[in-house]
Amino acid sequence: MYEREKREVLENSLYEILYAQKMIQSERVDEYLYYLELMGEKCRNGMTNDEIDAVTKRAENAASKRVRYGTNS
Protein backbone atom coordinates (compact mmCIF):
# COMPACT_ATOMS: atom_id res chain seq x y z
CA MET A 1 0.00 0.00 0.00
CA TYR A 2 1.39 3.37 -0.97
CA GLU A 3 1.92 6.17 1.54
CA ARG A 4 -0.93 8.21 0.04
CA GLU A 5 -3.34 5.27 0.37
CA LYS A 6 -2.27 4.69 3.98
CA ARG A 7 -2.89 8.34 4.83
CA GLU A 8 -6.31 8.18 3.18
CA VAL A 9 -7.24 5.10 5.23
CA LEU A 10 -6.08 6.81 8.42
CA GLU A 11 -7.94 10.01 7.55
CA ASN A 12 -11.16 8.10 6.86
CA SER A 13 -10.82 6.11 10.08
CA LEU A 14 -10.24 9.24 12.15
CA TYR A 15 -13.22 10.93 10.51
CA GLU A 16 -15.47 7.97 11.36
CA ILE A 17 -14.32 7.97 14.99
CA LEU A 18 -14.79 11.72 15.43
CA TYR A 19 -18.16 11.66 13.65
CA ALA A 20 -19.36 8.85 15.92
CA GLN A 21 -18.26 10.73 19.03
CA LYS A 22 -20.02 13.94 17.96
CA MET A 23 -23.24 12.15 17.00
CA ILE A 24 -23.37 10.27 20.31
CA GLN A 25 -22.49 13.38 22.33
CA SER A 26 -25.29 15.23 20.54
CA GLU A 27 -27.69 12.39 21.42
CA ARG A 28 -28.35 11.76 17.72
CA VAL A 29 -27.95 8.01 18.12
CA ASP A 30 -30.85 7.04 15.82
CA GLU A 31 -29.44 9.16 12.99
CA TYR A 32 -26.02 7.65 13.55
CA LEU A 33 -27.40 4.10 13.50
CA TYR A 34 -29.10 4.87 10.17
CA TYR A 35 -25.81 6.22 8.81
CA LEU A 36 -24.05 3.03 9.92
CA GLU A 37 -26.66 0.89 8.15
CA LEU A 38 -26.08 2.80 4.91
CA MET A 39 -22.31 2.55 5.20
CA GLY A 40 -22.55 -1.16 6.03
CA GLU A 41 -24.57 -1.80 2.88
CA LYS A 42 -22.06 0.15 0.83
CA CYS A 43 -19.20 -2.01 2.16
CA ARG A 44 -21.07 -5.29 1.73
CA ASN A 45 -21.51 -4.64 -1.99
CA GLY A 46 -17.82 -5.33 -2.65
CA MET A 47 -17.40 -8.33 -0.35
CA THR A 48 -18.00 -12.06 -0.53
CA ASN A 49 -20.35 -13.81 1.91
CA ASP A 50 -17.36 -15.46 3.61
CA GLU A 51 -15.70 -12.08 4.14
CA ILE A 52 -18.92 -10.59 5.51
CA ASP A 53 -19.36 -13.55 7.87
CA ALA A 54 -15.78 -13.25 9.14
CA VAL A 55 -16.12 -9.51 9.81
CA THR A 56 -19.52 -10.02 11.47
CA LYS A 57 -18.04 -12.66 13.78
CA ARG A 58 -15.11 -10.40 14.71
CA ALA A 59 -17.50 -7.54 15.49
CA GLU A 60 -19.70 -9.80 17.62
CA ASN A 61 -16.67 -11.06 19.54
CA ALA A 62 -15.41 -7.53 20.15
CA ALA A 63 -18.84 -6.28 21.22
CA SER A 64 -19.26 -9.13 23.71
CA LYS A 65 -16.22 -8.03 25.71
CA ARG A 66 -16.86 -5.79 28.70
CA VAL A 67 -14.38 -3.02 29.31
CA ARG A 68 -14.59 -0.27 31.87
CA TYR A 69 -13.89 3.15 30.47
CA GLY A 70 -10.59 4.51 31.76
CA THR A 71 -9.23 1.24 33.13
CA ASN A 72 -7.16 -1.61 31.79
CA SER A 73 -9.24 -4.34 33.42
C-alpha atoms as a PDB file:
ATOM      1  CA  MET A   1       0.000   0.000   0.000  1.00  0.00           C
ATOM      2  CA  TYR A   2       1.391   3.372  -0.970  1.00  0.00           C
ATOM      3  CA  GLU A   3       1.918   6.173   1.541  1.00  0.00           C
ATOM      4  CA  ARG A   4      -0.927   8.211   0.044  1.00  0.00           C
ATOM      5  CA  GLU A   5      -3.340   5.272   0.372  1.00  0.00           C
ATOM      6  CA  LYS A   6      -2.272   4.691   3.981  1.00  0.00           C
ATOM      7  CA  ARG A   7      -2.886   8.339   4.826  1.00  0.00           C
ATOM      8  CA  GLU A   8      -6.308   8.182   3.178  1.00  0.00           C
ATOM      9  CA  VAL A   9      -7.241   5.099   5.226  1.00  0.00           C
ATOM     10  CA  LEU A  10      -6.083   6.811   8.424  1.00  0.00           C
ATOM     11  CA  GLU A  11      -7.940  10.007   7.554  1.00  0.00           C
ATOM     12  CA  ASN A  12     -11.162   8.096   6.860  1.00  0.00           C
ATOM     13  CA  SER A  13     -10.821   6.113  10.082  1.00  0.00           C
ATOM     14  CA  LEU A  14     -10.235   9.242  12.151  1.00  0.00           C
ATOM     15  CA  TYR A  15     -13.221  10.929  10.514  1.00  0.00           C
ATOM     16  CA  GLU A  16     -15.474   7.967  11.361  1.00  0.00           C
ATOM     17  CA  ILE A  17     -14.320   7.969  14.990  1.00  0.00           C
ATOM     18  CA  LEU A  18     -14.792  11.719  15.433  1.00  0.00           C
ATOM     19  CA  TYR A  19     -18.157  11.664  13.654  1.00  0.00           C
ATOM     20  CA  ALA A  20     -19.360   8.851  15.924  1.00  0.00           C
ATOM     21  CA  GLN A  21     -18.258  10.732  19.025  1.00  0.00           C
ATOM     22  CA  LYS A  22     -20.023  13.939  17.956  1.00  0.00           C
ATOM     23  CA  MET A  23     -23.244  12.150  16.998  1.00  0.00           C
ATOM     24  CA  ILE A  24     -23.372  10.273  20.306  1.00  0.00           C
ATOM     25  CA  GLN A  25     -22.489  13.377  22.334  1.00  0.00           C
ATOM     26  CA  SER A  26     -25.294  15.234  20.539  1.00  0.00           C
ATOM     27  CA  GLU A  27     -27.688  12.387  21.424  1.00  0.00           C
ATOM     28  CA  ARG A  28     -28.351  11.759  17.723  1.00  0.00           C
ATOM     29  CA  VAL A  29     -27.948   8.013  18.117  1.00  0.00           C
ATOM     30  CA  ASP A  30     -30.855   7.043  15.823  1.00  0.00           C
ATOM     31  CA  GLU A  31     -29.436   9.157  12.994  1.00  0.00           C
ATOM     32  CA  TYR A  32     -26.016   7.651  13.547  1.00  0.00           C
ATOM     33  CA  LEU A  33     -27.402   4.102  13.499  1.00  0.00           C
ATOM     34  CA  TYR A  34     -29.100   4.866  10.174  1.00  0.00           C
ATOM     35  CA  TYR A  35     -25.806   6.215   8.812  1.00  0.00           C
ATOM     36  CA  LEU A  36     -24.046   3.028   9.924  1.00  0.00           C
ATOM     37  CA  GLU A  37     -26.655   0.889   8.154  1.00  0.00           C
ATOM     38  CA  LEU A  38     -26.084   2.796   4.914  1.00  0.00           C
ATOM     39  CA  MET A  39     -22.307   2.548   5.201  1.00  0.00           C
ATOM     40  CA  GLY A  40     -22.546  -1.157   6.032  1.00  0.00           C
ATOM     41  CA  GLU A  41     -24.565  -1.803   2.884  1.00  0.00           C
ATOM     42  CA  LYS A  42     -22.057   0.146   0.828  1.00  0.00           C
ATOM     43  CA  CYS A  43     -19.205  -2.006   2.159  1.00  0.00           C
ATOM     44  CA  ARG A  44     -21.073  -5.289   1.727  1.00  0.00           C
ATOM     45  CA  ASN A  45     -21.514  -4.642  -1.994  1.00  0.00           C
ATOM     46  CA  GLY A  46     -17.825  -5.327  -2.650  1.00  0.00           C
ATOM     47  CA  MET A  47     -17.400  -8.330  -0.345  1.00  0.00           C
ATOM     48  CA  THR A  48     -18.002 -12.061  -0.535  1.00  0.00           C
ATOM     49  CA  ASN A  49     -20.352 -13.808   1.907  1.00  0.00           C
ATOM     50  CA  ASP A  50     -17.363 -15.457   3.615  1.00  0.00           C
ATOM     51  CA  GLU A  51     -15.700 -12.081   4.139  1.00  0.00           C
ATOM     52  CA  ILE A  52     -18.917 -10.593   5.510  1.00  0.00           C
ATOM     53  CA  ASP A  53     -19.360 -13.555   7.873  1.00  0.00           C
ATOM     54  CA  ALA A  54     -15.775 -13.248   9.143  1.00  0.00           C
ATOM     55  CA  VAL A  55     -16.119  -9.513   9.810  1.00  0.00           C
ATOM     56  CA  THR A  56     -19.516 -10.018  11.472  1.00  0.00           C
ATOM     57  CA  LYS A  57     -18.038 -12.658  13.779  1.00  0.00           C
ATOM     58  CA  ARG A  58     -15.105 -10.401  14.710  1.00  0.00           C
ATOM     59  CA  ALA A  59     -17.498  -7.543  15.491  1.00  0.00           C
ATOM     60  CA  GLU A  60     -19.704  -9.795  17.622  1.00  0.00           C
ATOM     61  CA  ASN A  61     -16.669 -11.064  19.542  1.00  0.00           C
ATOM     62  CA  ALA A  62     -15.407  -7.531  20.152  1.00  0.00           C
ATOM     63  CA  ALA A  63     -18.844  -6.282  21.219  1.00  0.00           C
ATOM     64  CA  SER A  64     -19.263  -9.130  23.706  1.00  0.00           C
ATOM     65  CA  LYS A  65     -16.223  -8.034  25.712  1.00  0.00           C
ATOM     66  CA  ARG A  66     -16.861  -5.791  28.698  1.00  0.00           C
ATOM     67  CA  VAL A  67     -14.378  -3.015  29.307  1.00  0.00           C
ATOM     68  CA  ARG A  68     -14.590  -0.266  31.872  1.00  0.00           C
ATOM     69  CA  TYR A  69     -13.888   3.153  30.469  1.00  0.00           C
ATOM     70  CA  GLY A  70     -10.587   4.515  31.761  1.00  0.00           C
ATOM     71  CA  THR A  71      -9.232   1.235  33.129  1.00  0.00           C
ATOM     72  CA  ASN A  72      -7.160  -1.613  31.793  1.00  0.00           C
ATOM     73  CA  SER A  73      -9.243  -4.340  33.424  1.00  0.00           C
END
